[in-house]
Amino acid sequence: MVKITFVAFDGGSETVDVPVGLSVMEAARDNNIAGIEADCGGACACSTCHVYVDEAWVDKLKAKEEMETDMLEFAFEPDERQSRLTCQLKVTPNMEGLVVRLPEKQI
């Protein structure tokens, strides 16, 4: 299990244990994290699982692929460096302590 912290737009946070191999989106869904809608179910066909990866983690994660970059254009206030779609972040053991921040809203 890997600990991931979700920080809500209002500053509240929740840390959850996530099995290796799940996506960060699945972790949010399975732990009822408010603010991750995941309308497409993880198919990278929407932007409703958008988060801002904590600056300390940006360079530690696998780089965005073109499809994710394209979908982030539809996210609410995307940030070129920190915005990610949680459906595209597969949990690995080296993600222990990952922190992601939720946007004000998903669109």
N, C-alpha and C. Protein backbone atom coordinates (compact mmCIF):
# COMPACT_ATOMS: atom_id res chain seq x y z
N MET A 1 0.84 -1.19 0.00
CA MET A 1 0.00 0.00 0.00
C MET A 1 0.89 1.25 0.00
N VAL A 2 0.39 2.25 -0.68
CA VAL A 2 1.09 3.52 -0.81
C VAL A 2 0.17 4.62 -0.27
N LYS A 3 0.72 5.52 0.52
CA LYS A 3 -0.07 6.63 1.06
C LYS A 3 -0.07 7.79 0.08
N ILE A 4 -1.29 8.26 -0.27
CA ILE A 4 -1.47 9.42 -1.14
C ILE A 4 -2.37 10.40 -0.42
N THR A 5 -2.00 11.67 -0.47
CA THR A 5 -2.79 12.71 0.18
C THR A 5 -3.50 13.55 -0.87
N PHE A 6 -4.80 13.70 -0.69
CA PHE A 6 -5.63 14.55 -1.53
C PHE A 6 -5.95 15.81 -0.72
N VAL A 7 -5.62 16.97 -1.28
CA VAL A 7 -5.87 18.24 -0.60
C VAL A 7 -7.02 18.92 -1.33
N ALA A 8 -8.10 19.16 -0.61
CA ALA A 8 -9.28 19.81 -1.19
C ALA A 8 -8.99 21.28 -1.46
N PHE A 9 -9.79 21.88 -2.31
CA PHE A 9 -9.63 23.28 -2.66
C PHE A 9 -9.71 24.17 -1.41
N ASP A 10 -10.53 23.76 -0.43
CA ASP A 10 -10.68 24.56 0.80
C ASP A 10 -9.55 24.33 1.80
N GLY A 11 -8.60 23.45 1.46
CA GLY A 11 -7.45 23.22 2.33
C GLY A 11 -7.51 21.96 3.16
N GLY A 12 -8.69 21.38 3.30
CA GLY A 12 -8.78 20.12 4.03
C GLY A 12 -8.06 19.02 3.28
N SER A 13 -7.61 18.01 3.99
CA SER A 13 -6.89 16.94 3.30
C SER A 13 -7.29 15.58 3.84
N GLU A 14 -7.06 14.57 3.01
CA GLU A 14 -7.31 13.19 3.41
C GLU A 14 -6.20 12.33 2.82
N THR A 15 -5.60 11.53 3.66
CA THR A 15 -4.56 10.61 3.22
C THR A 15 -5.14 9.21 3.21
N VAL A 16 -4.94 8.52 2.09
CA VAL A 16 -5.51 7.18 1.94
C VAL A 16 -4.41 6.19 1.56
N ASP A 17 -4.64 4.93 1.89
CA ASP A 17 -3.76 3.84 1.49
C ASP A 17 -4.26 3.28 0.17
N VAL A 18 -3.35 3.16 -0.79
CA VAL A 18 -3.73 2.77 -2.15
C VAL A 18 -2.89 1.56 -2.57
N PRO A 19 -3.54 0.51 -3.08
CA PRO A 19 -2.78 -0.63 -3.59
C PRO A 19 -1.98 -0.24 -4.84
N VAL A 20 -0.78 -0.74 -4.94
CA VAL A 20 0.04 -0.54 -6.12
C VAL A 20 -0.71 -1.11 -7.33
N GLY A 21 -0.68 -0.39 -8.43
CA GLY A 21 -1.32 -0.84 -9.65
C GLY A 21 -2.62 -0.14 -9.96
N LEU A 22 -3.28 0.40 -8.95
CA LEU A 22 -4.48 1.20 -9.21
C LEU A 22 -4.06 2.56 -9.74
N SER A 23 -4.98 3.28 -10.33
CA SER A 23 -4.69 4.66 -10.70
C SER A 23 -5.03 5.55 -9.51
N VAL A 24 -4.49 6.74 -9.51
CA VAL A 24 -4.82 7.71 -8.46
C VAL A 24 -6.31 8.04 -8.52
N MET A 25 -6.89 8.03 -9.72
CA MET A 25 -8.34 8.26 -9.87
C MET A 25 -9.13 7.15 -9.18
N GLU A 26 -8.71 5.90 -9.37
CA GLU A 26 -9.40 4.78 -8.72
C GLU A 26 -9.28 4.89 -7.21
N ALA A 27 -8.13 5.34 -6.74
CA ALA A 27 -7.94 5.54 -5.30
C ALA A 27 -8.91 6.57 -4.77
N ALA A 28 -9.08 7.67 -5.52
CA ALA A 28 -10.03 8.71 -5.10
C ALA A 28 -11.45 8.17 -5.10
N ARG A 29 -11.80 7.48 -6.15
CA ARG A 29 -13.16 6.91 -6.26
C ARG A 29 -13.42 5.92 -5.13
N ASP A 30 -12.50 5.01 -4.90
CA ASP A 30 -12.69 3.97 -3.89
C ASP A 30 -12.72 4.52 -2.47
N ASN A 31 -12.16 5.71 -2.28
CA ASN A 31 -12.13 6.32 -0.95
C ASN A 31 -13.06 7.53 -0.83
N ASN A 32 -13.97 7.66 -1.78
CA ASN A 32 -14.98 8.72 -1.76
C ASN A 32 -14.39 10.11 -1.58
N ILE A 33 -13.31 10.39 -2.33
CA ILE A 33 -12.70 11.71 -2.28
C ILE A 33 -13.58 12.67 -3.09
N ALA A 34 -14.13 13.65 -2.42
CA ALA A 34 -14.97 14.65 -3.10
C ALA A 34 -14.10 15.48 -4.04
N GLY A 35 -14.64 15.76 -5.22
CA GLY A 35 -13.93 16.62 -6.16
C GLY A 35 -13.29 15.88 -7.31
N ILE A 36 -13.28 14.56 -7.26
CA ILE A 36 -12.81 13.75 -8.39
C ILE A 36 -14.06 13.08 -8.95
N GLU A 37 -14.53 13.57 -10.10
CA GLU A 37 -15.77 13.04 -10.69
C GLU A 37 -15.52 11.83 -11.57
N ALA A 38 -14.45 11.86 -12.35
CA ALA A 38 -14.07 10.73 -13.21
C ALA A 38 -15.23 10.25 -14.08
N ASP A 39 -15.84 11.18 -14.80
CA ASP A 39 -17.00 10.86 -15.62
C ASP A 39 -16.76 9.77 -16.65
N CYS A 40 -15.56 9.69 -17.21
CA CYS A 40 -15.29 8.69 -18.26
C CYS A 40 -14.81 7.37 -17.69
N GLY A 41 -14.68 7.28 -16.39
CA GLY A 41 -14.28 6.03 -15.76
C GLY A 41 -12.82 5.67 -15.90
N GLY A 42 -12.00 6.62 -16.33
CA GLY A 42 -10.57 6.37 -16.42
C GLY A 42 -10.06 6.14 -17.83
N ALA A 43 -10.85 6.51 -18.83
CA ALA A 43 -10.48 6.27 -20.23
C ALA A 43 -9.71 7.44 -20.85
N CYS A 44 -9.37 8.44 -20.07
CA CYS A 44 -8.69 9.63 -20.57
C CYS A 44 -9.52 10.29 -21.67
N ALA A 45 -10.83 10.35 -21.44
CA ALA A 45 -11.75 10.92 -22.42
C ALA A 45 -12.48 12.13 -21.87
N CYS A 46 -12.06 12.62 -20.71
CA CYS A 46 -12.64 13.82 -20.13
C CYS A 46 -11.55 14.45 -19.26
N SER A 47 -11.90 15.46 -18.52
CA SER A 47 -10.90 16.08 -17.64
C SER A 47 -11.41 16.19 -16.21
N THR A 48 -12.37 15.35 -15.85
CA THR A 48 -13.02 15.48 -14.55
C THR A 48 -12.31 14.76 -13.41
N CYS A 49 -11.07 14.35 -13.66
CA CYS A 49 -10.25 13.80 -12.58
C CYS A 49 -8.96 14.62 -12.46
N HIS A 50 -9.04 15.86 -12.88
CA HIS A 50 -7.90 16.79 -12.90
C HIS A 50 -7.46 17.14 -11.48
N VAL A 51 -6.15 17.16 -11.28
CA VAL A 51 -5.55 17.63 -10.02
C VAL A 51 -4.28 18.41 -10.34
N TYR A 52 -3.79 19.09 -9.33
CA TYR A 52 -2.49 19.74 -9.40
C TYR A 52 -1.54 18.91 -8.53
N VAL A 53 -0.53 18.35 -9.14
CA VAL A 53 0.45 17.57 -8.40
C VAL A 53 1.34 18.53 -7.62
N ASP A 54 1.57 18.22 -6.35
CA ASP A 54 2.44 19.04 -5.53
C ASP A 54 3.79 19.21 -6.23
N GLU A 55 4.31 20.42 -6.17
CA GLU A 55 5.56 20.76 -6.87
C GLU A 55 6.68 19.77 -6.58
N ALA A 56 6.77 19.28 -5.36
CA ALA A 56 7.83 18.34 -5.00
C ALA A 56 7.74 17.02 -5.78
N TRP A 57 6.59 16.74 -6.37
CA TRP A 57 6.36 15.46 -7.06
C TRP A 57 6.36 15.57 -8.57
N VAL A 58 6.27 16.76 -9.12
CA VAL A 58 6.10 16.93 -10.57
C VAL A 58 7.15 16.16 -11.37
N ASP A 59 8.39 16.30 -11.03
CA ASP A 59 9.46 15.66 -11.80
C ASP A 59 9.70 14.20 -11.44
N LYS A 60 8.99 13.70 -10.44
CA LYS A 60 9.16 12.31 -10.01
C LYS A 60 8.17 11.37 -10.70
N LEU A 61 7.16 11.93 -11.34
CA LEU A 61 6.12 11.13 -11.97
C LEU A 61 6.43 10.90 -13.45
N LYS A 62 5.85 9.86 -13.99
CA LYS A 62 5.97 9.59 -15.41
C LYS A 62 5.45 10.80 -16.18
N ALA A 63 6.12 11.15 -17.27
CA ALA A 63 5.73 12.31 -18.07
C ALA A 63 4.34 12.12 -18.69
N LYS A 64 3.67 13.24 -18.94
CA LYS A 64 2.37 13.21 -19.60
C LYS A 64 2.54 12.72 -21.03
N GLU A 65 1.58 11.92 -21.46
CA GLU A 65 1.52 11.53 -22.87
C GLU A 65 0.63 12.54 -23.60
N GLU A 66 0.68 12.53 -24.91
CA GLU A 66 -0.04 13.52 -25.72
C GLU A 66 -1.54 13.54 -25.44
N MET A 67 -2.14 12.37 -25.28
CA MET A 67 -3.59 12.31 -25.05
C MET A 67 -3.95 13.02 -23.74
N GLU A 68 -3.17 12.81 -22.70
CA GLU A 68 -3.44 13.49 -21.42
C GLU A 68 -3.28 15.00 -21.58
N THR A 69 -2.22 15.41 -22.25
CA THR A 69 -1.99 16.83 -22.48
C THR A 69 -3.16 17.45 -23.22
N ASP A 70 -3.66 16.75 -24.24
CA ASP A 70 -4.81 17.25 -25.01
C ASP A 70 -6.05 17.39 -24.13
N MET A 71 -6.32 16.40 -23.29
CA MET A 71 -7.52 16.44 -22.44
C MET A 71 -7.40 17.51 -21.37
N LEU A 72 -6.20 17.80 -20.92
CA LEU A 72 -6.03 18.84 -19.89
C LEU A 72 -6.42 20.23 -20.39
N GLU A 73 -6.47 20.41 -21.70
CA GLU A 73 -6.93 21.69 -22.25
C GLU A 73 -8.37 21.98 -21.87
N PHE A 74 -9.14 20.93 -21.54
CA PHE A 74 -10.54 21.08 -21.17
C PHE A 74 -10.75 21.19 -19.65
N ALA A 75 -9.69 21.08 -18.89
CA ALA A 75 -9.78 21.14 -17.42
C ALA A 75 -9.99 22.57 -16.95
N PHE A 76 -10.48 22.70 -15.73
CA PHE A 76 -10.67 24.01 -15.11
C PHE A 76 -9.31 24.55 -14.67
N GLU A 77 -8.92 25.68 -15.22
CA GLU A 77 -7.68 26.37 -14.87
C GLU A 77 -6.47 25.43 -14.83
N PRO A 78 -6.16 24.79 -15.95
CA PRO A 78 -5.00 23.89 -15.96
C PRO A 78 -3.69 24.66 -15.81
N ASP A 79 -2.74 24.01 -15.20
CA ASP A 79 -1.39 24.54 -15.03
C ASP A 79 -0.46 23.65 -15.86
N GLU A 80 0.30 24.24 -16.74
CA GLU A 80 1.13 23.46 -17.66
C GLU A 80 2.05 22.49 -16.94
N ARG A 81 2.57 22.89 -15.82
CA ARG A 81 3.54 22.04 -15.10
C ARG A 81 2.88 21.07 -14.12
N GLN A 82 1.91 21.53 -13.35
CA GLN A 82 1.40 20.72 -12.24
C GLN A 82 0.10 19.97 -12.53
N SER A 83 -0.63 20.33 -13.57
CA SER A 83 -1.90 19.65 -13.84
C SER A 83 -1.68 18.25 -14.37
N ARG A 84 -2.44 17.33 -13.81
CA ARG A 84 -2.43 15.94 -14.28
C ARG A 84 -3.85 15.39 -14.21
N LEU A 85 -4.11 14.37 -15.01
CA LEU A 85 -5.35 13.60 -14.90
C LEU A 85 -5.02 12.37 -14.06
N THR A 86 -5.76 12.20 -12.98
CA THR A 86 -5.44 11.11 -12.06
C THR A 86 -5.64 9.73 -12.67
N CYS A 87 -6.46 9.65 -13.71
CA CYS A 87 -6.65 8.35 -14.37
C CYS A 87 -5.38 7.90 -15.08
N GLN A 88 -4.47 8.83 -15.33
CA GLN A 88 -3.23 8.51 -16.04
C GLN A 88 -2.05 8.29 -15.11
N LEU A 89 -2.29 8.35 -13.82
CA LEU A 89 -1.23 8.16 -12.83
C LEU A 89 -1.41 6.80 -12.16
N LYS A 90 -0.68 5.80 -12.63
CA LYS A 90 -0.72 4.46 -12.02
C LYS A 90 0.17 4.47 -10.78
N VAL A 91 -0.37 3.97 -9.69
CA VAL A 91 0.34 3.97 -8.42
C VAL A 91 1.47 2.94 -8.43
N THR A 92 2.66 3.42 -8.08
CA THR A 92 3.85 2.58 -7.96
C THR A 92 4.40 2.76 -6.55
N PRO A 93 5.25 1.84 -6.10
CA PRO A 93 5.81 1.97 -4.75
C PRO A 93 6.56 3.28 -4.52
N ASN A 94 7.17 3.84 -5.56
CA ASN A 94 7.93 5.09 -5.37
C ASN A 94 7.03 6.32 -5.28
N MET A 95 5.71 6.13 -5.29
CA MET A 95 4.78 7.25 -5.12
C MET A 95 4.37 7.44 -3.66
N GLU A 96 5.00 6.72 -2.75
CA GLU A 96 4.69 6.86 -1.32
C GLU A 96 4.80 8.32 -0.91
N GLY A 97 3.68 8.86 -0.37
CA GLY A 97 3.67 10.24 0.10
C GLY A 97 3.23 11.26 -0.94
N LEU A 98 2.81 10.80 -2.12
CA LEU A 98 2.34 11.71 -3.17
C LEU A 98 1.26 12.63 -2.63
N VAL A 99 1.34 13.91 -3.01
CA VAL A 99 0.33 14.90 -2.62
C VAL A 99 -0.24 15.52 -3.89
N VAL A 100 -1.57 15.50 -4.00
CA VAL A 100 -2.25 16.15 -5.11
C VAL A 100 -3.28 17.12 -4.56
N ARG A 101 -3.45 18.23 -5.26
CA ARG A 101 -4.40 19.26 -4.84
C ARG A 101 -5.54 19.31 -5.85
N LEU A 102 -6.75 19.39 -5.32
CA LEU A 102 -7.93 19.43 -6.17
C LEU A 102 -8.24 20.84 -6.64
N PRO A 103 -8.69 20.99 -7.87
CA PRO A 103 -9.07 22.32 -8.35
C PRO A 103 -10.38 22.77 -7.69
N GLU A 104 -10.71 24.02 -7.91
CA GLU A 104 -11.95 24.56 -7.35
C GLU A 104 -13.16 23.78 -7.83
N LYS A 105 -13.12 23.35 -9.11
CA LYS A 105 -14.21 22.56 -9.67
C LYS A 105 -13.69 21.75 -10.85
N GLN A 106 -14.46 20.77 -11.26
CA GLN A 106 -14.16 19.97 -12.45
C GLN A 106 -15.15 20.39 -13.54
N ILE A 107 -14.67 20.39 -14.77
CA ILE A 107 -15.58 20.71 -15.89
C ILE A 107 -15.45 19.69 -16.99
